[in-house]
Amino acid sequence: MCDVRGAAYVELAMAVSDVSEPGRGFEVRRLSMPSTGVESWTVVGIDRRPVPVVDQFLAWLTNIERSPNTVEAYARDLKAFWSFLASREVEWERVTVMELGEFAAWARQPAENVVVLSELAARRSARTVNRMLSAVMAFYEFQGRRGSSLARELVAQARLGDGAYKPFLHGIARSHPRGRTVRLPEQQRLPRTLSLEQVAAVIDSQRRLCDRFLFALLATTGMRIGQALNLRHEDFVAWERRIEIVPRPGARARARSKGGARGSVPVPGELVRLHSDYMHEEYGELDSDFVFVNLWEGQIGRPLSYAAVDKLVRRTRRRVGFHFTPHQLRHTFATLAYRDGVALEVIGTVLTHRSSRSALVYTHPTAEDLRRALEERGLLDRVADLVA
């Protein structure tokens, strides 16, 4: 541990805690170095010390500038895996594909010795367990690159499509020609979107220009809430009607572009005017680099936090009478763009995705959307002639 993050990290790991699922012997803890503001996560064991091999992996993720949210998710998944290994008295170096399958079953069980017979009875969804398996395999791939031959062998055996070896989950995992880690079959879930009337209600219900501008920004750009909270004044290029998305490490690293992506996002003139009204009428002479800051409560002038946005969203839900999340505004923007015929490459770029294919998760083509697209190209008429 000390050779990875230093003694100060050890002290912080033992003093600062964010505990999940207490009583299983392992805990997830947040680390924050006062000198640099860098935030990361680790997993501590029964001895209250960080688990060395896990901490090395999480430190590496932090060093390559993976989002702190991502590092936290990996930490929680590996904490669960280490809890499983402890319950089976298996060392991480001795894990086989058989144990991976048992871990998947263990993660789904609502209680010990209970077999999951339906999705409703499962403790975790197949999607969640697949994410946990991906975190575990990423850990072993990292250890394999560091020289562990056993880790490399496990990764090779856990992949499908290469050779005659059939891993434990072969019967229930999806098969891919290029080889993928073991997975459970998932039920396809479409992200939820809002109607345009609901989006308008969210924006119109705001009593302050700052809050109105925040929701209007999310709705008209598809921006992540973390990206919005990380905006600096220099990022808002009003005369060109665009906003620069700039990932920045440091104390506000949790409010940055996912995966470190950056981009330039066009904005409508109405949003530029709303931004100007907010800056002149409410922001005033405050000395801060951040666009969104505390104006009425907390430490005035400090950057707006996720907790403050959560309180704002809760208040807004009560006013409009329906449930929504800031991320649903992103889904809605992307879906609206897709249905209006905007190319996926353009949507992916606006959403600051590294790959345009990532934008597929935000598109929701209904049967009516598909029918309209096929009718516009005359395909339905041509195939109808085959049975006329």
Protein backbone atom coordinates (compact mmCIF):
# COMPACT_ATOMS: atom_id res chain seq x y z
CA MET A 1 0.00 0.00 0.00
CA CYS A 2 2.65 2.52 1.03
CA ASP A 3 4.62 2.06 -2.19
CA VAL A 4 1.50 2.82 -4.22
CA ARG A 5 -0.12 5.80 -2.51
CA GLY A 6 2.12 6.69 0.42
CA ALA A 7 1.69 6.60 4.18
CA ALA A 8 -0.71 9.54 4.12
CA TYR A 9 -3.16 7.45 2.10
CA VAL A 10 -2.95 4.66 4.65
CA GLU A 11 -3.84 7.10 7.40
CA LEU A 12 -6.75 8.48 5.40
CA ALA A 13 -8.02 5.02 4.52
CA MET A 14 -8.13 4.14 8.20
CA ALA A 15 -9.79 7.43 9.19
CA VAL A 16 -12.27 8.25 6.40
CA SER A 17 -14.98 5.67 5.84
CA ASP A 18 -17.85 5.10 3.48
CA VAL A 19 -19.15 1.71 4.55
CA SER A 20 -21.45 -0.49 2.48
CA GLU A 21 -22.95 -3.79 3.60
CA PRO A 22 -21.44 -3.75 7.11
CA GLY A 23 -20.65 -6.97 8.90
CA ARG A 24 -19.04 -8.83 6.00
CA GLY A 25 -15.50 -7.95 6.99
CA PHE A 26 -14.59 -5.69 4.06
CA GLU A 27 -15.41 -2.03 3.61
CA VAL A 28 -15.11 0.56 0.86
CA ARG A 29 -13.39 3.77 1.92
CA ARG A 30 -12.86 7.09 0.25
CA LEU A 31 -9.40 8.63 -0.05
CA SER A 32 -8.68 12.31 -0.59
CA MET A 33 -5.22 13.78 -0.53
CA PRO A 34 -5.36 17.29 1.01
CA SER A 35 -2.24 18.41 -0.89
CA THR A 36 -3.57 17.58 -4.37
CA GLY A 37 -7.32 17.19 -3.92
CA VAL A 38 -7.19 13.90 -5.83
CA GLU A 39 -10.02 11.61 -4.81
CA SER A 40 -9.92 7.83 -4.98
CA TRP A 41 -11.25 4.73 -3.22
CA THR A 42 -9.88 1.62 -1.59
CA VAL A 43 -11.07 -1.59 0.06
CA VAL A 44 -10.05 -2.37 3.64
CA GLY A 45 -10.12 -5.80 5.27
CA ILE A 46 -10.85 -7.14 8.72
CA ASP A 47 -7.51 -5.76 9.93
CA ARG A 48 -8.71 -2.26 8.92
CA ARG A 49 -5.86 -2.05 6.42
CA PRO A 50 -6.25 -1.64 2.64
CA VAL A 51 -6.16 -4.89 0.67
CA PRO A 52 -2.81 -4.42 -1.17
CA VAL A 53 -3.59 -5.99 -4.56
CA VAL A 54 -6.99 -4.30 -4.76
CA ASP A 55 -5.54 -0.96 -3.74
CA GLN A 56 -2.83 -1.25 -6.39
CA PHE A 57 -5.50 -1.77 -9.05
CA LEU A 58 -7.66 1.12 -7.81
CA ALA A 59 -4.57 3.36 -7.59
CA TRP A 60 -3.77 2.50 -11.21
CA LEU A 61 -7.31 3.45 -12.28
CA THR A 62 -6.88 6.79 -10.50
CA ASN A 63 -3.47 7.36 -12.05
CA ILE A 64 -4.82 6.88 -15.58
CA GLU A 65 -7.50 9.47 -14.72
CA ARG A 66 -10.51 7.23 -14.60
CA SER A 67 -13.48 9.04 -13.10
CA PRO A 68 -13.68 8.80 -9.27
CA ASN A 69 -17.24 7.53 -9.78
CA THR A 70 -15.84 4.68 -11.88
CA VAL A 71 -13.12 3.92 -9.32
CA GLU A 72 -15.75 3.83 -6.58
CA ALA A 73 -17.89 1.40 -8.59
CA TYR A 74 -14.88 -0.91 -9.11
CA ALA A 75 -14.09 -0.70 -5.39
CA ARG A 76 -17.61 -1.74 -4.40
CA ASP A 77 -17.64 -4.62 -6.87
CA LEU A 78 -14.24 -5.87 -5.68
CA LYS A 79 -15.32 -5.47 -2.07
CA ALA A 80 -18.19 -7.87 -2.83
CA PHE A 81 -15.82 -10.26 -4.59
CA TRP A 82 -13.41 -10.25 -1.64
CA SER A 83 -16.33 -10.89 0.72
CA PHE A 84 -17.25 -13.89 -1.43
CA LEU A 85 -13.67 -15.20 -1.42
CA ALA A 86 -13.53 -14.87 2.36
CA SER A 87 -16.78 -16.79 2.74
CA ARG A 88 -15.33 -19.61 0.61
CA GLU A 89 -11.83 -19.34 2.15
CA VAL A 90 -10.31 -19.01 -1.33
CA GLU A 91 -7.24 -16.86 -2.07
CA TRP A 92 -7.53 -14.53 -5.05
CA GLU A 93 -4.58 -16.24 -6.74
CA ARG A 94 -6.42 -19.59 -6.59
CA VAL A 95 -9.64 -18.49 -8.29
CA THR A 96 -10.79 -20.54 -11.27
CA VAL A 97 -13.64 -20.07 -13.72
CA MET A 98 -15.67 -22.34 -11.45
CA GLU A 99 -15.36 -19.78 -8.64
CA LEU A 100 -16.40 -17.00 -11.02
CA GLY A 101 -19.60 -18.88 -11.72
CA GLU A 102 -20.16 -19.43 -8.01
CA PHE A 103 -19.54 -15.73 -7.39
CA ALA A 104 -22.22 -14.83 -9.95
CA ALA A 105 -24.69 -17.14 -8.21
CA TRP A 106 -23.65 -15.82 -4.77
CA ALA A 107 -24.15 -12.22 -5.87
CA ARG A 108 -27.69 -13.04 -6.98
CA GLN A 109 -28.75 -14.91 -3.84
CA PRO A 110 -31.10 -12.98 -1.51
CA ALA A 111 -29.74 -15.14 1.33
CA GLU A 112 -27.36 -18.03 1.89
CA ASN A 113 -28.65 -21.42 0.69
CA VAL A 114 -31.43 -19.74 -1.31
CA VAL A 115 -31.59 -20.61 -5.00
CA VAL A 116 -32.75 -17.83 -7.32
CA LEU A 117 -35.62 -19.14 -9.41
CA SER A 118 -36.85 -15.84 -10.87
CA GLU A 119 -35.52 -12.36 -11.60
CA LEU A 120 -37.85 -10.87 -9.00
CA ALA A 121 -36.33 -13.03 -6.26
CA ALA A 122 -32.74 -12.14 -7.09
CA ARG A 123 -30.78 -9.87 -4.79
CA ARG A 124 -29.09 -8.21 -7.75
CA SER A 125 -30.11 -7.98 -11.39
CA ALA A 126 -28.21 -9.84 -14.10
CA ARG A 127 -27.04 -6.45 -15.39
CA THR A 128 -25.51 -5.60 -12.02
CA VAL A 129 -23.83 -8.99 -11.67
CA ASN A 130 -22.37 -8.68 -15.17
CA ARG A 131 -20.92 -5.33 -14.18
CA MET A 132 -19.39 -6.96 -11.09
CA LEU A 133 -17.91 -9.74 -13.23
CA SER A 134 -16.43 -7.13 -15.58
CA ALA A 135 -14.77 -5.40 -12.62
CA VAL A 136 -13.33 -8.68 -11.38
CA MET A 137 -11.97 -9.57 -14.80
CA ALA A 138 -10.46 -6.08 -15.18
CA PHE A 139 -8.68 -6.66 -11.87
CA TYR A 140 -7.28 -9.99 -13.10
CA GLU A 141 -6.25 -8.52 -16.44
CA PHE A 142 -4.34 -5.86 -14.51
CA GLN A 143 -2.63 -8.50 -12.38
CA GLY A 144 -1.84 -10.50 -15.50
CA ARG A 145 -0.08 -7.50 -17.03
CA ARG A 146 1.88 -7.18 -13.81
CA GLY A 147 3.26 -10.68 -14.28
CA SER A 148 0.77 -13.05 -12.63
CA SER A 149 0.62 -16.11 -14.88
CA LEU A 150 -2.36 -17.48 -12.91
CA ALA A 151 -4.28 -14.25 -13.55
CA ARG A 152 -3.50 -14.42 -17.28
CA GLU A 153 -4.65 -18.03 -17.39
CA LEU A 154 -7.91 -17.19 -15.64
CA VAL A 155 -8.63 -14.36 -18.07
CA ALA A 156 -7.93 -16.63 -21.04
CA GLN A 157 -10.17 -19.41 -19.70
CA ALA A 158 -13.00 -17.02 -18.84
CA ARG A 159 -13.28 -15.79 -22.41
CA LEU A 160 -15.61 -17.48 -24.86
CA GLY A 161 -15.09 -18.31 -28.50
CA ASP A 162 -11.38 -19.16 -28.40
CA GLY A 163 -10.62 -22.86 -28.40
CA ALA A 164 -12.59 -25.81 -27.09
CA TYR A 165 -12.56 -24.85 -23.41
CA LYS A 166 -16.09 -24.24 -22.09
CA PRO A 167 -16.23 -22.23 -18.87
CA PHE A 168 -18.67 -22.81 -16.07
CA LEU A 169 -21.18 -20.22 -17.31
CA HIS A 170 -21.08 -21.43 -20.92
CA GLY A 171 -24.69 -22.57 -20.81
CA ILE A 172 -26.08 -19.23 -19.65
CA ALA A 173 -23.57 -16.76 -21.08
CA ARG A 174 -23.74 -15.03 -24.43
CA SER A 175 -21.25 -16.21 -27.01
CA HIS A 176 -19.26 -13.67 -29.02
CA PRO A 177 -16.85 -14.56 -31.84
CA ARG A 178 -14.10 -12.32 -30.52
CA GLY A 179 -14.36 -13.65 -27.01
CA ARG A 180 -16.00 -11.98 -24.04
CA THR A 181 -15.85 -12.56 -20.32
CA VAL A 182 -18.51 -14.74 -18.75
CA ARG A 183 -21.87 -13.03 -18.52
CA LEU A 184 -25.41 -13.69 -17.41
CA PRO A 185 -28.23 -13.14 -19.91
CA GLU A 186 -29.82 -9.73 -19.34
CA GLN A 187 -33.29 -8.38 -19.93
CA GLN A 188 -33.08 -5.42 -22.30
CA ARG A 189 -33.95 -2.21 -20.47
CA LEU A 190 -34.49 1.09 -22.23
CA PRO A 191 -33.48 4.21 -20.32
CA ARG A 192 -36.47 6.30 -19.34
CA THR A 193 -37.18 9.59 -21.05
CA LEU A 194 -39.46 12.54 -20.36
CA SER A 195 -42.05 14.09 -22.64
CA LEU A 196 -41.36 17.61 -23.89
CA GLU A 197 -44.25 18.79 -21.73
CA GLN A 198 -42.57 17.30 -18.66
CA VAL A 199 -39.23 18.92 -19.53
CA ALA A 200 -40.96 22.28 -19.92
CA ALA A 201 -42.71 21.79 -16.57
CA VAL A 202 -39.37 21.13 -14.84
CA ILE A 203 -37.84 24.30 -16.29
CA ASP A 204 -40.90 26.52 -15.80
CA SER A 205 -41.35 25.48 -12.16
CA GLN A 206 -38.03 27.03 -11.12
CA ARG A 207 -38.25 30.22 -9.08
CA ARG A 208 -34.61 31.23 -9.45
CA LEU A 209 -32.66 31.95 -12.60
CA CYS A 210 -29.78 29.74 -11.47
CA ASP A 211 -32.03 26.69 -11.13
CA ARG A 212 -33.87 27.47 -14.35
CA PHE A 213 -30.57 27.83 -16.20
CA LEU A 214 -29.25 24.53 -14.80
CA PHE A 215 -32.23 22.46 -15.96
CA ALA A 216 -32.43 24.32 -19.29
CA LEU A 217 -28.73 23.61 -19.84
CA LEU A 218 -29.19 19.88 -19.21
CA ALA A 219 -32.28 19.71 -21.41
CA THR A 220 -30.88 21.61 -24.40
CA THR A 221 -27.39 20.09 -24.50
CA GLY A 222 -27.74 16.55 -23.11
CA MET A 223 -24.93 17.42 -20.71
CA ARG A 224 -24.18 15.24 -17.68
CA ILE A 225 -24.86 16.86 -14.33
CA GLY A 226 -21.19 16.38 -13.42
CA GLN A 227 -20.14 18.25 -16.55
CA ALA A 228 -22.52 21.09 -15.74
CA LEU A 229 -21.25 21.43 -12.18
CA ASN A 230 -17.67 21.52 -13.46
CA LEU A 231 -18.30 24.38 -15.91
CA ARG A 232 -16.06 27.43 -15.59
CA HIS A 233 -16.91 30.87 -16.95
CA GLU A 234 -14.24 30.49 -19.62
CA ASP A 235 -16.05 27.41 -20.96
CA PHE A 236 -19.15 29.42 -21.92
CA VAL A 237 -18.36 30.99 -25.31
CA ALA A 238 -21.51 33.10 -25.56
CA TRP A 239 -20.65 34.97 -28.79
CA GLU A 240 -20.27 31.65 -30.63
CA ARG A 241 -23.20 30.02 -28.84
CA ARG A 242 -21.23 27.02 -27.63
CA ILE A 243 -19.90 25.48 -24.42
CA GLU A 244 -16.56 23.74 -24.05
CA ILE A 245 -16.63 20.48 -22.06
CA VAL A 246 -13.23 20.28 -20.37
CA PRO A 247 -12.33 17.36 -18.03
CA ARG A 248 -10.36 18.64 -15.09
CA PRO A 249 -8.63 16.58 -12.38
CA GLY A 250 -8.49 17.69 -8.78
CA ALA A 251 -10.95 18.40 -6.01
CA ARG A 252 -13.87 18.63 -8.45
CA ALA A 253 -12.82 15.50 -10.33
CA ARG A 254 -16.16 13.79 -9.62
CA ALA A 255 -17.80 16.52 -11.70
CA ARG A 256 -16.08 15.88 -14.98
CA SER A 257 -16.61 14.24 -18.35
CA LYS A 258 -17.00 10.51 -18.07
CA GLY A 259 -13.88 8.78 -19.33
CA GLY A 260 -12.08 12.11 -19.61
CA ALA A 261 -13.80 13.00 -22.90
CA ARG A 262 -14.03 16.63 -23.98
CA GLY A 263 -15.96 18.44 -26.64
CA SER A 264 -17.62 21.61 -27.88
CA VAL A 265 -21.41 21.66 -27.51
CA PRO A 266 -23.64 24.09 -29.48
CA VAL A 267 -26.38 25.87 -27.51
CA PRO A 268 -29.47 27.81 -28.58
CA GLY A 269 -29.62 31.60 -28.34
CA GLU A 270 -32.33 31.36 -25.68
CA LEU A 271 -29.93 29.56 -23.38
CA VAL A 272 -27.29 32.24 -23.97
CA ARG A 273 -29.79 34.92 -22.92
CA LEU A 274 -30.82 32.91 -19.85
CA HIS A 275 -27.16 32.55 -18.89
CA SER A 276 -26.70 36.32 -19.25
CA ASP A 277 -29.75 37.06 -17.07
CA TYR A 278 -28.48 34.64 -14.42
CA MET A 279 -25.01 36.16 -14.37
CA HIS A 280 -26.28 39.76 -14.13
CA GLU A 281 -29.25 39.35 -11.79
CA GLU A 282 -28.15 36.61 -9.37
CA TYR A 283 -24.45 35.81 -9.75
CA GLY A 284 -23.36 39.42 -9.65
CA GLU A 285 -19.87 40.23 -8.39
CA LEU A 286 -19.10 36.87 -6.77
CA ASP A 287 -15.45 35.90 -7.18
CA SER A 288 -15.49 32.29 -8.40
CA ASP A 289 -14.35 30.40 -11.49
CA PHE A 290 -17.40 28.13 -11.40
CA VAL A 291 -20.66 28.86 -13.23
CA PHE A 292 -22.80 27.10 -10.63
CA VAL A 293 -22.15 28.15 -7.03
CA ASN A 294 -23.99 28.44 -3.72
CA LEU A 295 -25.99 31.67 -3.78
CA TRP A 296 -28.53 31.30 -0.99
CA GLU A 297 -27.35 28.67 1.47
CA GLY A 298 -24.21 26.90 2.60
CA GLN A 299 -20.89 28.66 2.03
CA ILE A 300 -21.79 31.41 -0.44
CA GLY A 301 -19.62 31.32 -3.55
CA ARG A 302 -18.56 27.70 -3.14
CA PRO A 303 -19.10 25.39 -6.17
CA LEU A 304 -22.54 23.81 -6.22
CA SER A 305 -22.44 20.22 -4.97
CA TYR A 306 -24.24 17.05 -6.01
CA ALA A 307 -26.06 17.15 -2.67
CA ALA A 308 -27.41 20.63 -3.41
CA VAL A 309 -28.62 19.50 -6.85
CA ASP A 310 -30.29 16.47 -5.25
CA LYS A 311 -32.21 18.78 -2.89
CA LEU A 312 -33.23 20.94 -5.85
CA VAL A 313 -34.45 17.91 -7.80
CA ARG A 314 -36.49 16.71 -4.82
CA ARG A 315 -38.13 20.12 -4.46
CA THR A 316 -38.88 20.21 -8.17
CA ARG A 317 -40.44 16.74 -8.11
CA ARG A 318 -42.91 17.94 -5.48
CA ARG A 319 -43.80 20.97 -7.58
CA VAL A 320 -44.31 19.18 -10.91
CA GLY A 321 -45.89 16.04 -9.45
CA PHE A 322 -43.82 13.42 -11.25
CA HIS A 323 -40.51 11.64 -10.71
CA PHE A 324 -37.48 12.49 -12.81
CA THR A 325 -33.69 12.56 -12.60
CA PRO A 326 -31.21 14.97 -14.20
CA HIS A 327 -29.85 12.13 -16.33
CA GLN A 328 -33.28 11.60 -17.87
CA LEU A 329 -32.92 15.02 -19.47
CA ARG A 330 -29.83 13.63 -21.23
CA HIS A 331 -31.78 10.58 -22.38
CA THR A 332 -34.59 12.81 -23.62
CA PHE A 333 -32.27 15.11 -25.57
CA ALA A 334 -30.56 12.18 -27.31
CA THR A 335 -33.85 10.43 -28.10
CA LEU A 336 -35.35 13.62 -29.53
CA ALA A 337 -32.27 14.13 -31.71
CA TYR A 338 -32.40 10.53 -32.92
CA ARG A 339 -36.09 10.72 -33.83
CA ASP A 340 -35.45 13.96 -35.72
CA GLY A 341 -32.94 12.12 -37.90
CA VAL A 342 -29.69 13.37 -36.38
CA ALA A 343 -26.88 10.90 -37.16
CA LEU A 344 -25.55 8.79 -34.30
CA GLU A 345 -22.06 10.15 -34.97
CA VAL A 346 -23.34 13.67 -34.31
CA ILE A 347 -25.29 12.62 -31.21
CA GLY A 348 -22.28 10.80 -29.82
CA THR A 349 -20.06 13.83 -30.40
CA VAL A 350 -22.49 16.24 -28.73
CA LEU A 351 -22.79 13.86 -25.77
CA THR A 352 -18.95 13.72 -25.61
CA HIS A 353 -18.84 9.96 -26.10
CA ARG A 354 -15.56 8.48 -27.27
CA SER A 355 -17.47 6.19 -29.63
CA SER A 356 -20.62 7.05 -31.60
CA ARG A 357 -21.90 3.56 -30.87
CA SER A 358 -22.20 4.55 -27.21
CA ALA A 359 -25.05 6.86 -28.22
CA LEU A 360 -27.18 3.81 -29.01
CA VAL A 361 -28.00 3.43 -25.33
CA TYR A 362 -29.82 6.79 -25.42
CA THR A 363 -31.94 6.05 -28.49
CA HIS A 364 -35.41 4.61 -28.04
CA PRO A 365 -36.91 3.69 -31.43
CA THR A 366 -40.49 2.56 -30.84
CA ALA A 367 -42.49 0.43 -33.25
CA GLU A 368 -44.05 3.64 -34.57
CA ASP A 369 -40.59 5.16 -35.11
CA LEU A 370 -39.53 2.10 -37.07
CA ARG A 371 -42.75 2.08 -39.08
CA ARG A 372 -42.32 5.75 -40.04
CA ALA A 373 -38.70 5.19 -41.08
CA LEU A 374 -39.62 2.17 -43.23
CA GLU A 375 -42.60 3.94 -44.80
CA GLU A 376 -40.49 7.00 -45.67
CA ARG A 377 -38.20 4.74 -47.68
CA GLY A 378 -41.07 2.85 -49.29
CA LEU A 379 -39.87 -0.48 -47.93
CA LEU A 380 -43.21 -1.53 -46.42
CA ASP A 381 -44.96 -0.96 -49.73
CA ARG A 382 -42.38 -3.02 -51.61
CA VAL A 383 -42.57 -6.00 -49.27
CA ALA A 384 -46.39 -5.71 -49.19
CA ASP A 385 -46.39 -6.33 -52.93
CA LEU A 386 -44.91 -9.76 -52.26
CA VAL A 387 -48.09 -10.92 -50.57
CA ALA A 388 -50.65 -8.87 -52.53
